[in-house]
Amino acid sequence: MNLKDKKFVASYSGGKDSVLALYRAIKQGMKPICLIITYNIDQNRSWFHGIPQEILDEVSKSLNIPIKLIKTTGKEYAENFKKELRIQKEMGAEVCVFGDIDIEGHLEWGTNICKESGLEPYFPLWQESRKDLVNEFISSGFTANITCVDTDRLSDKHLGMTLSKDTILSIEKDGADVCGENGEYHSFVSDGPIFSKPIEFHYGEKIVRDHYAILPICKD
């Protein structure tokens, strides 16, 4: 698939997989015009990765890519995502980039929502080895910290850890997937080769919600 010079939007979570997908797309010569980020209006943080708007604004500045928050409830999530893709198409976007790896339901959702919005879906990481991808992310020079852990599958001692070869070994010892593709953990990427400067942040008080342990990301 020749996508060089294609203008794209990226479905951006702030986690390692969406960042690696964005990085690969840029290295392939694609042109980013916007990061679209679903934003939970009930919690005032991004969906799934829980990043507040003030941090996302800093990410946008460091990456030099505009962001657009899709402020939505869970009920209207798909419809509002579709609406934003149509707006981005009018702004010149041709492709939407996703960071999913191998969960068929995610591929189907992204493909269908793009089809309905007139954009071409692109999954740069699709069906590659999860372990190879997380190692590529680390060796490429990105910095990510674990901010949320499913304690049914991974010890909360990993909260706050920087992703590294040692962290991956520790996750493996717990019997969890090193990439966290099944929701074992979520991460926040604060620096790397496409960032002009590191994102400064600190953690809020640890939150335990059901079987999830969370370290909220806060602006310094």
N, C-alpha and C. Protein backbone atom coordinates (compact mmCIF):
# COMPACT_ATOMS: atom_id res chain seq x y z
N MET A 1 0.85 -1.19 0.00
CA MET A 1 0.00 0.00 0.00
C MET A 1 0.89 1.25 0.00
N ASN A 2 0.82 2.05 -1.08
CA ASN A 2 1.64 3.26 -1.14
C ASN A 2 0.86 4.44 -0.57
N LEU A 3 1.27 4.85 0.62
CA LEU A 3 0.56 5.94 1.30
C LEU A 3 1.42 7.20 1.40
N LYS A 4 2.58 7.21 0.75
CA LYS A 4 3.47 8.37 0.81
C LYS A 4 2.73 9.63 0.39
N ASP A 5 2.93 10.68 1.17
CA ASP A 5 2.33 12.01 0.94
C ASP A 5 0.83 12.08 1.21
N LYS A 6 0.24 10.98 1.65
CA LYS A 6 -1.18 11.01 2.00
C LYS A 6 -1.35 11.82 3.28
N LYS A 7 -2.37 12.65 3.32
CA LYS A 7 -2.69 13.40 4.54
C LYS A 7 -3.52 12.51 5.46
N PHE A 8 -3.13 12.50 6.75
CA PHE A 8 -3.85 11.60 7.65
C PHE A 8 -4.16 12.24 8.99
N VAL A 9 -5.20 11.70 9.61
CA VAL A 9 -5.47 11.95 11.02
C VAL A 9 -5.12 10.67 11.76
N ALA A 10 -4.73 10.79 13.02
CA ALA A 10 -4.43 9.61 13.81
C ALA A 10 -5.39 9.53 14.98
N SER A 11 -5.91 8.34 15.20
CA SER A 11 -6.69 8.08 16.41
C SER A 11 -5.68 7.93 17.53
N TYR A 12 -5.59 8.94 18.39
CA TYR A 12 -4.48 9.07 19.33
C TYR A 12 -4.97 8.90 20.76
N SER A 13 -4.36 7.95 21.47
CA SER A 13 -4.74 7.72 22.87
C SER A 13 -3.71 8.30 23.83
N GLY A 14 -2.50 8.56 23.33
CA GLY A 14 -1.40 8.97 24.20
C GLY A 14 -0.58 7.80 24.69
N GLY A 15 -1.03 6.57 24.37
CA GLY A 15 -0.32 5.37 24.75
C GLY A 15 0.68 4.93 23.69
N LYS A 16 1.47 3.92 24.04
CA LYS A 16 2.60 3.52 23.20
C LYS A 16 2.20 3.04 21.80
N ASP A 17 1.10 2.30 21.68
CA ASP A 17 0.75 1.76 20.36
C ASP A 17 0.30 2.85 19.39
N SER A 18 -0.51 3.79 19.89
CA SER A 18 -0.96 4.87 19.00
C SER A 18 0.23 5.75 18.61
N VAL A 19 1.19 5.93 19.52
CA VAL A 19 2.37 6.73 19.21
C VAL A 19 3.27 6.02 18.20
N LEU A 20 3.46 4.72 18.37
CA LEU A 20 4.28 3.96 17.42
C LEU A 20 3.63 3.95 16.03
N ALA A 21 2.32 3.83 15.97
CA ALA A 21 1.61 3.87 14.68
C ALA A 21 1.80 5.24 14.01
N LEU A 22 1.68 6.31 14.80
CA LEU A 22 1.90 7.67 14.29
C LEU A 22 3.33 7.82 13.77
N TYR A 23 4.29 7.33 14.53
CA TYR A 23 5.71 7.41 14.17
C TYR A 23 5.98 6.69 12.85
N ARG A 24 5.44 5.50 12.73
CA ARG A 24 5.65 4.73 11.49
C ARG A 24 5.04 5.44 10.29
N ALA A 25 3.82 5.97 10.48
CA ALA A 25 3.15 6.66 9.37
C ALA A 25 3.98 7.86 8.90
N ILE A 26 4.52 8.62 9.85
CA ILE A 26 5.36 9.77 9.50
C ILE A 26 6.63 9.31 8.78
N LYS A 27 7.25 8.23 9.28
CA LYS A 27 8.48 7.71 8.64
C LYS A 27 8.21 7.22 7.23
N GLN A 28 6.97 6.80 6.97
CA GLN A 28 6.61 6.33 5.62
C GLN A 28 6.31 7.49 4.67
N GLY A 29 6.43 8.71 5.18
CA GLY A 29 6.22 9.88 4.31
C GLY A 29 4.81 10.40 4.31
N MET A 30 3.97 9.89 5.20
CA MET A 30 2.61 10.40 5.30
C MET A 30 2.61 11.73 6.06
N LYS A 31 1.58 12.54 5.84
CA LYS A 31 1.53 13.89 6.40
C LYS A 31 0.43 14.01 7.47
N PRO A 32 0.82 14.14 8.75
CA PRO A 32 -0.21 14.26 9.78
C PRO A 32 -0.84 15.64 9.79
N ILE A 33 -2.17 15.68 9.82
CA ILE A 33 -2.83 16.99 9.89
C ILE A 33 -3.56 17.18 11.22
N CYS A 34 -3.81 16.08 11.96
CA CYS A 34 -4.51 16.22 13.22
C CYS A 34 -4.45 14.92 14.02
N LEU A 35 -4.43 15.06 15.34
CA LEU A 35 -4.61 13.91 16.23
C LEU A 35 -6.02 14.01 16.79
N ILE A 36 -6.82 12.98 16.57
CA ILE A 36 -8.18 13.01 17.14
C ILE A 36 -8.18 12.14 18.40
N ILE A 37 -8.73 12.72 19.45
CA ILE A 37 -8.64 12.11 20.78
C ILE A 37 -10.03 12.07 21.40
N THR A 38 -10.52 10.88 21.71
CA THR A 38 -11.83 10.79 22.36
C THR A 38 -11.69 11.20 23.82
N TYR A 39 -12.61 12.05 24.27
CA TYR A 39 -12.49 12.68 25.58
C TYR A 39 -13.77 12.44 26.38
N ASN A 40 -13.60 11.82 27.53
CA ASN A 40 -14.73 11.43 28.38
C ASN A 40 -15.25 12.66 29.13
N ILE A 41 -16.41 13.15 28.75
CA ILE A 41 -16.93 14.39 29.36
C ILE A 41 -17.40 14.16 30.80
N ASP A 42 -17.63 12.89 31.17
CA ASP A 42 -18.03 12.62 32.55
C ASP A 42 -16.82 12.67 33.50
N GLN A 43 -15.64 12.30 33.00
CA GLN A 43 -14.45 12.28 33.86
C GLN A 43 -13.47 13.41 33.55
N ASN A 44 -13.75 14.15 32.48
CA ASN A 44 -12.88 15.26 32.05
C ASN A 44 -11.45 14.81 31.79
N ARG A 45 -11.34 13.64 31.20
CA ARG A 45 -10.05 13.08 30.79
C ARG A 45 -10.27 12.25 29.52
N SER A 46 -9.19 11.96 28.81
CA SER A 46 -9.33 11.17 27.59
C SER A 46 -9.83 9.76 27.92
N TRP A 47 -10.59 9.21 26.99
CA TRP A 47 -11.08 7.85 27.17
C TRP A 47 -9.91 6.87 27.25
N PHE A 48 -10.05 5.89 28.13
CA PHE A 48 -9.14 4.73 28.27
C PHE A 48 -7.79 5.08 28.92
N HIS A 49 -7.14 6.17 28.49
CA HIS A 49 -5.82 6.47 29.05
C HIS A 49 -5.86 7.59 30.08
N GLY A 50 -7.01 8.26 30.23
CA GLY A 50 -7.20 9.20 31.32
C GLY A 50 -6.27 10.40 31.35
N ILE A 51 -6.03 11.01 30.18
CA ILE A 51 -5.11 12.15 30.12
C ILE A 51 -5.92 13.46 30.07
N PRO A 52 -5.62 14.41 30.95
CA PRO A 52 -6.37 15.67 30.96
C PRO A 52 -6.02 16.57 29.77
N GLN A 53 -6.93 17.50 29.46
CA GLN A 53 -6.75 18.34 28.29
C GLN A 53 -5.46 19.16 28.33
N GLU A 54 -5.08 19.68 29.52
CA GLU A 54 -3.88 20.52 29.58
C GLU A 54 -2.61 19.76 29.21
N ILE A 55 -2.59 18.44 29.51
CA ILE A 55 -1.44 17.61 29.11
C ILE A 55 -1.49 17.34 27.61
N LEU A 56 -2.68 17.08 27.10
CA LEU A 56 -2.84 16.82 25.66
C LEU A 56 -2.43 18.05 24.85
N ASP A 57 -2.71 19.24 25.37
CA ASP A 57 -2.28 20.47 24.69
C ASP A 57 -0.76 20.54 24.61
N GLU A 58 -0.08 20.10 25.67
CA GLU A 58 1.39 20.08 25.67
C GLU A 58 1.93 19.05 24.67
N VAL A 59 1.25 17.92 24.57
CA VAL A 59 1.62 16.89 23.58
C VAL A 59 1.52 17.48 22.17
N SER A 60 0.42 18.17 21.91
CA SER A 60 0.20 18.79 20.60
C SER A 60 1.34 19.76 20.24
N LYS A 61 1.73 20.58 21.21
CA LYS A 61 2.82 21.54 20.97
C LYS A 61 4.14 20.83 20.69
N SER A 62 4.43 19.80 21.48
CA SER A 62 5.70 19.09 21.33
C SER A 62 5.77 18.33 20.01
N LEU A 63 4.66 17.74 19.59
CA LEU A 63 4.62 17.00 18.33
C LEU A 63 4.44 17.94 17.13
N ASN A 64 4.01 19.17 17.41
CA ASN A 64 3.68 20.14 16.35
C ASN A 64 2.60 19.61 15.42
N ILE A 65 1.61 18.97 16.04
CA ILE A 65 0.44 18.47 15.30
C ILE A 65 -0.80 18.93 16.06
N PRO A 66 -1.76 19.56 15.37
CA PRO A 66 -2.98 19.99 16.06
C PRO A 66 -3.74 18.79 16.64
N ILE A 67 -4.47 19.02 17.73
CA ILE A 67 -5.34 17.97 18.26
C ILE A 67 -6.79 18.42 18.19
N LYS A 68 -7.67 17.45 18.14
CA LYS A 68 -9.10 17.73 18.23
C LYS A 68 -9.69 16.74 19.22
N LEU A 69 -10.28 17.26 20.29
CA LEU A 69 -10.92 16.41 21.28
C LEU A 69 -12.33 16.09 20.83
N ILE A 70 -12.64 14.80 20.82
CA ILE A 70 -14.02 14.37 20.56
C ILE A 70 -14.67 14.19 21.92
N LYS A 71 -15.32 15.23 22.40
CA LYS A 71 -15.91 15.19 23.74
C LYS A 71 -17.22 14.42 23.67
N THR A 72 -17.27 13.30 24.40
CA THR A 72 -18.40 12.39 24.21
C THR A 72 -18.67 11.54 25.43
N THR A 73 -19.90 11.09 25.53
CA THR A 73 -20.27 10.04 26.48
C THR A 73 -20.01 8.70 25.80
N GLY A 74 -20.09 7.62 26.56
CA GLY A 74 -19.93 6.30 25.97
C GLY A 74 -21.01 5.98 24.96
N LYS A 75 -22.22 6.42 25.25
CA LYS A 75 -23.38 6.10 24.40
C LYS A 75 -23.23 6.70 23.00
N GLU A 76 -22.65 7.89 22.92
CA GLU A 76 -22.55 8.59 21.62
C GLU A 76 -21.15 8.47 21.01
N TYR A 77 -20.33 7.60 21.59
CA TYR A 77 -18.92 7.50 21.22
C TYR A 77 -18.74 7.29 19.71
N ALA A 78 -19.34 6.25 19.15
CA ALA A 78 -19.14 5.91 17.74
C ALA A 78 -19.67 7.01 16.82
N GLU A 79 -20.84 7.52 17.14
CA GLU A 79 -21.46 8.54 16.29
C GLU A 79 -20.62 9.81 16.27
N ASN A 80 -20.10 10.22 17.43
CA ASN A 80 -19.29 11.44 17.50
C ASN A 80 -17.93 11.25 16.84
N PHE A 81 -17.39 10.03 16.91
CA PHE A 81 -16.13 9.72 16.24
C PHE A 81 -16.32 9.86 14.71
N LYS A 82 -17.41 9.30 14.25
CA LYS A 82 -17.72 9.34 12.82
C LYS A 82 -17.89 10.78 12.33
N LYS A 83 -18.58 11.56 13.15
CA LYS A 83 -18.83 12.97 12.83
C LYS A 83 -17.51 13.72 12.67
N GLU A 84 -16.57 13.44 13.60
CA GLU A 84 -15.27 14.12 13.54
C GLU A 84 -14.46 13.69 12.32
N LEU A 85 -14.54 12.41 11.96
CA LEU A 85 -13.82 11.94 10.76
C LEU A 85 -14.33 12.65 9.51
N ARG A 86 -15.64 12.89 9.47
CA ARG A 86 -16.20 13.59 8.31
C ARG A 86 -15.70 15.03 8.24
N ILE A 87 -15.57 15.66 9.41
CA ILE A 87 -15.03 17.03 9.47
C ILE A 87 -13.58 17.03 8.98
N GLN A 88 -12.79 16.03 9.46
CA GLN A 88 -11.39 15.95 9.06
C GLN A 88 -11.23 15.69 7.57
N LYS A 89 -12.15 14.93 7.00
CA LYS A 89 -12.12 14.68 5.55
C LYS A 89 -12.32 16.01 4.81
N GLU A 90 -13.24 16.82 5.29
CA GLU A 90 -13.47 18.14 4.67
C GLU A 90 -12.24 19.03 4.80
N MET A 91 -11.43 18.79 5.86
CA MET A 91 -10.21 19.58 6.08
C MET A 91 -9.02 19.03 5.26
N GLY A 92 -9.25 17.95 4.53
CA GLY A 92 -8.20 17.43 3.65
C GLY A 92 -7.66 16.06 4.00
N ALA A 93 -8.12 15.46 5.11
CA ALA A 93 -7.63 14.13 5.49
C ALA A 93 -8.08 13.08 4.48
N GLU A 94 -7.17 12.16 4.20
CA GLU A 94 -7.48 11.05 3.28
C GLU A 94 -7.49 9.70 4.01
N VAL A 95 -6.73 9.61 5.10
CA VAL A 95 -6.51 8.35 5.81
C VAL A 95 -6.67 8.58 7.31
N CYS A 96 -7.15 7.55 8.03
CA CYS A 96 -7.13 7.58 9.49
C CYS A 96 -6.24 6.44 9.97
N VAL A 97 -5.27 6.76 10.82
CA VAL A 97 -4.29 5.79 11.32
C VAL A 97 -4.70 5.32 12.72
N PHE A 98 -4.67 4.01 12.91
CA PHE A 98 -5.01 3.39 14.20
C PHE A 98 -3.82 2.58 14.71
N GLY A 99 -3.71 2.44 16.04
CA GLY A 99 -2.61 1.70 16.63
C GLY A 99 -2.95 0.29 17.08
N ASP A 100 -4.06 -0.26 16.61
CA ASP A 100 -4.45 -1.61 17.02
C ASP A 100 -3.51 -2.65 16.40
N ILE A 101 -3.38 -3.78 17.13
CA ILE A 101 -2.40 -4.80 16.71
C ILE A 101 -3.06 -6.07 16.16
N ASP A 102 -3.95 -6.67 16.93
CA ASP A 102 -4.48 -7.95 16.44
C ASP A 102 -5.86 -8.33 16.98
N ILE A 103 -6.57 -7.39 17.55
CA ILE A 103 -7.93 -7.70 18.02
C ILE A 103 -8.91 -7.40 16.89
N GLU A 104 -9.52 -8.47 16.36
CA GLU A 104 -10.34 -8.36 15.16
C GLU A 104 -11.48 -7.35 15.31
N GLY A 105 -12.08 -7.30 16.50
CA GLY A 105 -13.18 -6.37 16.73
C GLY A 105 -12.76 -4.92 16.56
N HIS A 106 -11.51 -4.62 16.95
CA HIS A 106 -10.99 -3.26 16.80
C HIS A 106 -10.76 -2.93 15.32
N LEU A 107 -10.23 -3.91 14.59
CA LEU A 107 -10.02 -3.72 13.15
C LEU A 107 -11.35 -3.45 12.45
N GLU A 108 -12.33 -4.25 12.80
CA GLU A 108 -13.66 -4.12 12.18
C GLU A 108 -14.28 -2.76 12.50
N TRP A 109 -14.16 -2.34 13.76
CA TRP A 109 -14.75 -1.06 14.17
C TRP A 109 -14.11 0.10 13.41
N GLY A 110 -12.77 0.14 13.39
CA GLY A 110 -12.07 1.22 12.71
C GLY A 110 -12.32 1.23 11.21
N THR A 111 -12.35 0.04 10.62
CA THR A 111 -12.58 -0.07 9.18
C THR A 111 -13.97 0.43 8.82
N ASN A 112 -14.97 -0.01 9.59
CA ASN A 112 -16.35 0.37 9.29
C ASN A 112 -16.60 1.85 9.48
N ILE A 113 -16.03 2.40 10.56
CA ILE A 113 -16.29 3.82 10.86
C ILE A 113 -15.61 4.72 9.83
N CYS A 114 -14.47 4.26 9.29
CA CYS A 114 -13.80 5.01 8.22
C CYS A 114 -14.60 4.93 6.92
N LYS A 115 -15.10 3.75 6.64
CA LYS A 115 -15.89 3.54 5.43
C LYS A 115 -17.10 4.46 5.41
N GLU A 116 -17.75 4.57 6.57
CA GLU A 116 -18.94 5.41 6.68
C GLU A 116 -18.60 6.90 6.64
N SER A 117 -17.33 7.22 6.86
CA SER A 117 -16.91 8.63 6.90
C SER A 117 -16.14 9.06 5.66
N GLY A 118 -15.85 8.11 4.76
CA GLY A 118 -15.17 8.44 3.52
C GLY A 118 -13.65 8.50 3.61
N LEU A 119 -13.09 7.93 4.69
CA LEU A 119 -11.63 7.89 4.83
C LEU A 119 -11.12 6.47 4.67
N GLU A 120 -9.83 6.37 4.34
CA GLU A 120 -9.19 5.06 4.23
C GLU A 120 -8.59 4.69 5.59
N PRO A 121 -8.91 3.51 6.16
CA PRO A 121 -8.29 3.13 7.43
C PRO A 121 -6.90 2.56 7.20
N TYR A 122 -6.00 2.81 8.15
CA TYR A 122 -4.65 2.26 8.05
C TYR A 122 -4.20 1.82 9.44
N PHE A 123 -3.76 0.56 9.53
CA PHE A 123 -3.32 -0.05 10.79
C PHE A 123 -1.84 -0.45 10.64
N PRO A 124 -0.90 0.45 10.89
CA PRO A 124 0.52 0.17 10.63
C PRO A 124 1.12 -0.98 11.44
N LEU A 125 0.50 -1.34 12.57
CA LEU A 125 1.07 -2.38 13.44
C LEU A 125 0.37 -3.73 13.27
N TRP A 126 -0.58 -3.80 12.38
CA TRP A 126 -1.50 -4.93 12.34
C TRP A 126 -0.82 -6.29 12.19
N GLN A 127 -1.13 -7.18 13.11
CA GLN A 127 -0.70 -8.59 13.13
C GLN A 127 0.81 -8.78 13.24
N GLU A 128 1.51 -7.80 13.75
CA GLU A 128 2.92 -7.99 14.06
C GLU A 128 3.05 -8.55 15.47
N SER A 129 4.20 -9.11 15.77
CA SER A 129 4.45 -9.68 17.10
C SER A 129 4.33 -8.60 18.17
N ARG A 130 3.51 -8.87 19.18
CA ARG A 130 3.33 -7.89 20.26
C ARG A 130 4.66 -7.57 20.94
N LYS A 131 5.42 -8.61 21.21
CA LYS A 131 6.70 -8.40 21.89
C LYS A 131 7.67 -7.61 21.03
N ASP A 132 7.71 -7.91 19.73
CA ASP A 132 8.59 -7.16 18.82
C ASP A 132 8.20 -5.69 18.79
N LEU A 133 6.90 -5.41 18.82
CA LEU A 133 6.43 -4.03 18.75
C LEU A 133 6.82 -3.24 20.00
N VAL A 134 6.64 -3.83 21.17
CA VAL A 134 6.99 -3.10 22.39
C VAL A 134 8.50 -2.90 22.47
N ASN A 135 9.27 -3.87 21.98
CA ASN A 135 10.73 -3.70 21.95
C ASN A 135 11.16 -2.64 20.93
N GLU A 136 10.46 -2.59 19.80
CA GLU A 136 10.74 -1.54 18.80
C GLU A 136 10.45 -0.16 19.39
N PHE A 137 9.34 -0.06 20.10
CA PHE A 137 8.97 1.20 20.74
C PHE A 137 10.07 1.68 21.68
N ILE A 138 10.56 0.77 22.51
CA ILE A 138 11.60 1.12 23.49
C ILE A 138 12.91 1.47 22.78
N SER A 139 13.32 0.62 21.82
CA SER A 139 14.61 0.85 21.15
C SER A 139 14.59 2.08 20.24
N SER A 140 13.38 2.54 19.84
CA SER A 140 13.28 3.76 19.03
C SER A 140 13.53 5.01 19.85
N GLY A 141 13.54 4.87 21.18
CA GLY A 141 13.86 6.01 22.04
C GLY A 141 12.68 6.72 22.66
N PHE A 142 11.51 6.08 22.64
CA PHE A 142 10.34 6.68 23.29
C PHE A 142 10.37 6.43 24.79
N THR A 143 9.74 7.33 25.52
CA THR A 143 9.58 7.18 26.97
C THR A 143 8.09 7.05 27.28
N ALA A 144 7.73 5.96 27.95
CA ALA A 144 6.34 5.75 28.34
C ALA A 144 6.30 5.21 29.76
N ASN A 145 5.30 5.64 30.51
CA ASN A 145 5.11 5.15 31.87
C ASN A 145 3.76 4.48 32.01
N ILE A 146 3.72 3.43 32.81
CA ILE A 146 2.47 2.69 33.03
C ILE A 146 1.61 3.48 34.01
N THR A 147 0.41 3.82 33.58
CA THR A 147 -0.47 4.68 34.37
C THR A 147 -1.74 3.98 34.86
N CYS A 148 -2.02 2.79 34.31
CA CYS A 148 -3.22 2.06 34.71
C CYS A 148 -2.93 0.57 34.58
N VAL A 149 -3.35 -0.19 35.60
CA VAL A 149 -3.09 -1.63 35.62
C VAL A 149 -4.39 -2.37 35.96
N ASP A 150 -4.67 -3.43 35.20
CA ASP A 150 -5.76 -4.35 35.55
C ASP A 150 -5.19 -5.34 36.56
N THR A 151 -5.51 -5.15 37.83
CA THR A 151 -4.87 -5.93 38.89
C THR A 151 -5.30 -7.40 38.90
N ASP A 152 -6.31 -7.74 38.10
CA ASP A 152 -6.66 -9.16 37.95
C ASP A 152 -5.61 -9.88 37.12
N ARG A 153 -4.84 -9.12 36.34
CA ARG A 153 -3.90 -9.75 35.40
C ARG A 153 -2.46 -9.28 35.56
N LEU A 154 -2.26 -8.19 36.31
CA LEU A 154 -0.92 -7.65 36.45
C LEU A 154 -0.80 -6.93 37.79
N SER A 155 0.31 -7.16 38.49
CA SER A 155 0.51 -6.54 39.81
C SER A 155 0.59 -5.02 39.69
N ASP A 156 -0.02 -4.34 40.66
CA ASP A 156 0.01 -2.87 40.61
C ASP A 156 1.38 -2.31 40.99
N LYS A 157 2.34 -3.18 41.29
CA LYS A 157 3.72 -2.68 41.51
C LYS A 157 4.27 -2.05 40.22
N HIS A 158 3.63 -2.38 39.09
CA HIS A 158 4.09 -1.84 37.81
C HIS A 158 3.61 -0.41 37.57
N LEU A 159 2.68 0.07 38.36
CA LEU A 159 2.20 1.44 38.20
C LEU A 159 3.35 2.43 38.30
N GLY A 160 3.43 3.34 37.35
CA GLY A 160 4.47 4.36 37.36
C GLY A 160 5.78 3.92 36.73
N MET A 161 5.94 2.63 36.48
CA MET A 161 7.19 2.14 35.88
C MET A 161 7.36 2.69 34.46
N THR A 162 8.61 3.02 34.12
CA THR A 162 8.93 3.38 32.74
C THR A 162 9.08 2.08 31.94
N LEU A 163 8.51 2.05 30.75
CA LEU A 163 8.66 0.85 29.91
C LEU A 163 10.12 0.69 29.51
N SER A 164 10.66 -0.46 29.82
CA SER A 164 12.06 -0.77 29.53
C SER A 164 12.15 -2.28 29.37
N LYS A 165 13.34 -2.76 29.00
CA LYS A 165 13.53 -4.21 28.88
C LYS A 165 13.26 -4.89 30.22
N ASP A 166 13.70 -4.27 31.31
CA ASP A 166 13.47 -4.85 32.64
C ASP A 166 11.98 -4.88 33.00
N THR A 167 11.27 -3.80 32.65
CA THR A 167 9.83 -3.75 32.91
C THR A 167 9.11 -4.86 32.14
N ILE A 168 9.52 -5.06 30.90
CA ILE A 168 8.91 -6.11 30.08
C ILE A 168 9.13 -7.48 30.72
N LEU A 169 10.33 -7.71 31.22
CA LEU A 169 10.63 -8.99 31.89
C LEU A 169 9.74 -9.17 33.12
N SER A 170 9.53 -8.09 33.86
CA SER A 170 8.69 -8.14 35.06
C SER A 170 7.23 -8.44 34.70
N ILE A 171 6.76 -7.84 33.62
CA ILE A 171 5.39 -8.10 33.15
C ILE A 171 5.25 -9.57 32.74
N GLU A 172 6.25 -10.06 32.04
CA GLU A 172 6.25 -11.47 31.62
C GLU A 172 6.21 -12.41 32.82
N LYS A 173 6.97 -12.06 33.87
CA LYS A 173 7.00 -12.90 35.07
C LYS A 173 5.63 -12.98 35.74
N ASP A 174 4.84 -11.92 35.58
CA ASP A 174 3.47 -11.91 36.12
C ASP A 174 2.52 -12.72 35.23
N GLY A 175 3.01 -13.19 34.09
CA GLY A 175 2.17 -13.96 33.17
C GLY A 175 1.25 -13.11 32.33
N ALA A 176 1.54 -11.81 32.25
CA ALA A 176 0.69 -10.90 31.47
C ALA A 176 1.31 -10.65 30.09
N ASP A 177 0.48 -10.17 29.17
CA ASP A 177 0.96 -9.84 27.83
C ASP A 177 1.85 -8.61 27.90
N VAL A 178 3.04 -8.68 27.33
CA VAL A 178 4.02 -7.59 27.44
C VAL A 178 3.53 -6.30 26.79
N CYS A 179 2.63 -6.43 25.81
CA CYS A 179 2.15 -5.25 25.09
C CYS A 179 0.90 -4.66 25.74
N GLY A 180 0.27 -5.42 26.64
CA GLY A 180 -0.95 -4.93 27.27
C GLY A 180 -2.11 -4.78 26.31
N GLU A 181 -2.06 -5.50 25.20
CA GLU A 181 -3.08 -5.35 24.16
C GLU A 181 -4.47 -5.76 24.64
N ASN A 182 -4.51 -6.63 25.64
CA ASN A 182 -5.81 -7.08 26.17
C ASN A 182 -6.28 -6.22 27.35
N GLY A 183 -5.62 -5.08 27.55
CA GLY A 183 -6.02 -4.18 28.62
C GLY A 183 -5.32 -4.42 29.95
N GLU A 184 -4.23 -5.22 29.93
CA GLU A 184 -3.49 -5.49 31.17
C GLU A 184 -2.93 -4.19 31.77
N TYR A 185 -2.53 -3.27 30.90
CA TYR A 185 -2.05 -1.97 31.38
C TYR A 185 -2.23 -0.93 30.28
N HIS A 186 -2.22 0.34 30.70
CA HIS A 186 -2.20 1.46 29.76
C HIS A 186 -0.98 2.31 30.08
N SER A 187 -0.51 3.04 29.08
CA SER A 187 0.70 3.84 29.26
C SER A 187 0.49 5.26 28.77
N PHE A 188 1.38 6.13 29.19
CA PHE A 188 1.40 7.52 28.69
C PHE A 188 2.80 7.80 28.15
N VAL A 189 2.86 8.24 26.88
CA VAL A 189 4.14 8.53 26.23
C VAL A 189 4.44 10.01 26.40
N SER A 190 5.61 10.30 26.96
CA SER A 190 5.95 11.69 27.25
C SER A 190 7.14 12.23 26.47
N ASP A 191 7.82 11.36 25.72
CA ASP A 191 9.00 11.82 24.98
C ASP A 191 9.36 10.79 23.92
N GLY A 192 10.19 11.22 22.97
CA GLY A 192 10.61 10.31 21.90
C GLY A 192 11.04 11.07 20.67
N PRO A 193 11.40 10.34 19.61
CA PRO A 193 11.99 10.96 18.43
C PRO A 193 11.09 11.94 17.68
N ILE A 194 9.78 11.88 17.88
CA ILE A 194 8.90 12.85 17.19
C ILE A 194 8.45 13.98 18.12
N PHE A 195 8.92 13.95 19.38
CA PHE A 195 8.61 15.02 20.33
C PHE A 195 9.74 16.06 20.28
N SER A 196 9.39 17.34 20.25
CA SER A 196 10.43 18.37 20.26
C SER A 196 10.96 18.61 21.66
N LYS A 197 10.16 18.29 22.67
CA LYS A 197 10.61 18.39 24.06
C LYS A 197 9.78 17.44 24.91
N PRO A 198 10.33 16.96 26.04
CA PRO A 198 9.57 16.04 26.90
C PRO A 198 8.35 16.73 27.51
N ILE A 199 7.31 15.95 27.75
CA ILE A 199 6.12 16.45 28.43
C ILE A 199 6.36 16.36 29.93
N GLU A 200 6.27 17.49 30.62
CA GLU A 200 6.46 17.51 32.07
C GLU A 200 5.13 17.17 32.74
N PHE A 201 5.16 16.24 33.69
CA PHE A 201 3.93 15.87 34.39
C PHE A 201 4.28 15.27 35.74
N HIS A 202 3.26 15.14 36.58
CA HIS A 202 3.42 14.39 37.83
C HIS A 202 2.18 13.54 38.03
N TYR A 203 2.25 12.63 38.99
CA TYR A 203 1.11 11.75 39.27
C TYR A 203 0.27 12.31 40.41
N GLY A 204 -1.04 12.14 40.26
CA GLY A 204 -1.94 12.43 41.37
C GLY A 204 -1.99 11.23 42.31
N GLU A 205 -2.89 11.28 43.27
CA GLU A 205 -3.04 10.17 44.22
C GLU A 205 -3.57 8.93 43.52
N LYS A 206 -3.02 7.80 43.89
CA LYS A 206 -3.44 6.52 43.29
C LYS A 206 -4.95 6.31 43.51
N ILE A 207 -5.61 5.85 42.45
CA ILE A 207 -7.05 5.55 42.51
C ILE A 207 -7.24 4.06 42.29
N VAL A 208 -8.08 3.43 43.10
CA VAL A 208 -8.45 2.03 42.88
C VAL A 208 -9.93 2.00 42.53
N ARG A 209 -10.22 1.52 41.32
CA ARG A 209 -11.61 1.47 40.84
C ARG A 209 -11.89 0.06 40.33
N ASP A 210 -12.76 -0.66 41.05
CA ASP A 210 -13.00 -2.08 40.76
C ASP A 210 -11.65 -2.81 40.82
N HIS A 211 -11.25 -3.46 39.72
CA HIS A 211 -9.97 -4.18 39.74
C HIS A 211 -8.88 -3.40 38.99
N TYR A 212 -9.08 -2.08 38.86
CA TYR A 212 -8.08 -1.26 38.19
C TYR A 212 -7.38 -0.34 39.19
N ALA A 213 -6.07 -0.24 39.07
CA ALA A 213 -5.29 0.72 39.85
C ALA A 213 -4.77 1.77 38.87
N ILE A 214 -4.95 3.03 39.23
CA ILE A 214 -4.68 4.14 38.30
C ILE A 214 -3.80 5.20 38.99
N LEU A 215 -2.80 5.67 38.26
CA LEU A 215 -2.03 6.84 38.68
C LEU A 215 -2.41 7.98 37.75
N PRO A 216 -3.23 8.92 38.21
CA PRO A 216 -3.68 10.00 37.32
C PRO A 216 -2.50 10.88 36.87
N ILE A 217 -2.49 11.23 35.58
CA ILE A 217 -1.49 12.12 35.02
C ILE A 217 -1.94 13.56 35.28
N CYS A 218 -1.03 14.38 35.82
CA CYS A 218 -1.37 15.79 36.11
C CYS A 218 -0.29 16.69 35.54
N LYS A 219 -0.70 17.90 35.17
CA LYS A 219 0.26 18.86 34.63
C LYS A 219 1.13 19.43 35.75
N ASP A 220 2.43 19.55 35.48
CA ASP A 220 3.33 20.18 36.45
C ASP A 220 3.02 21.66 36.59
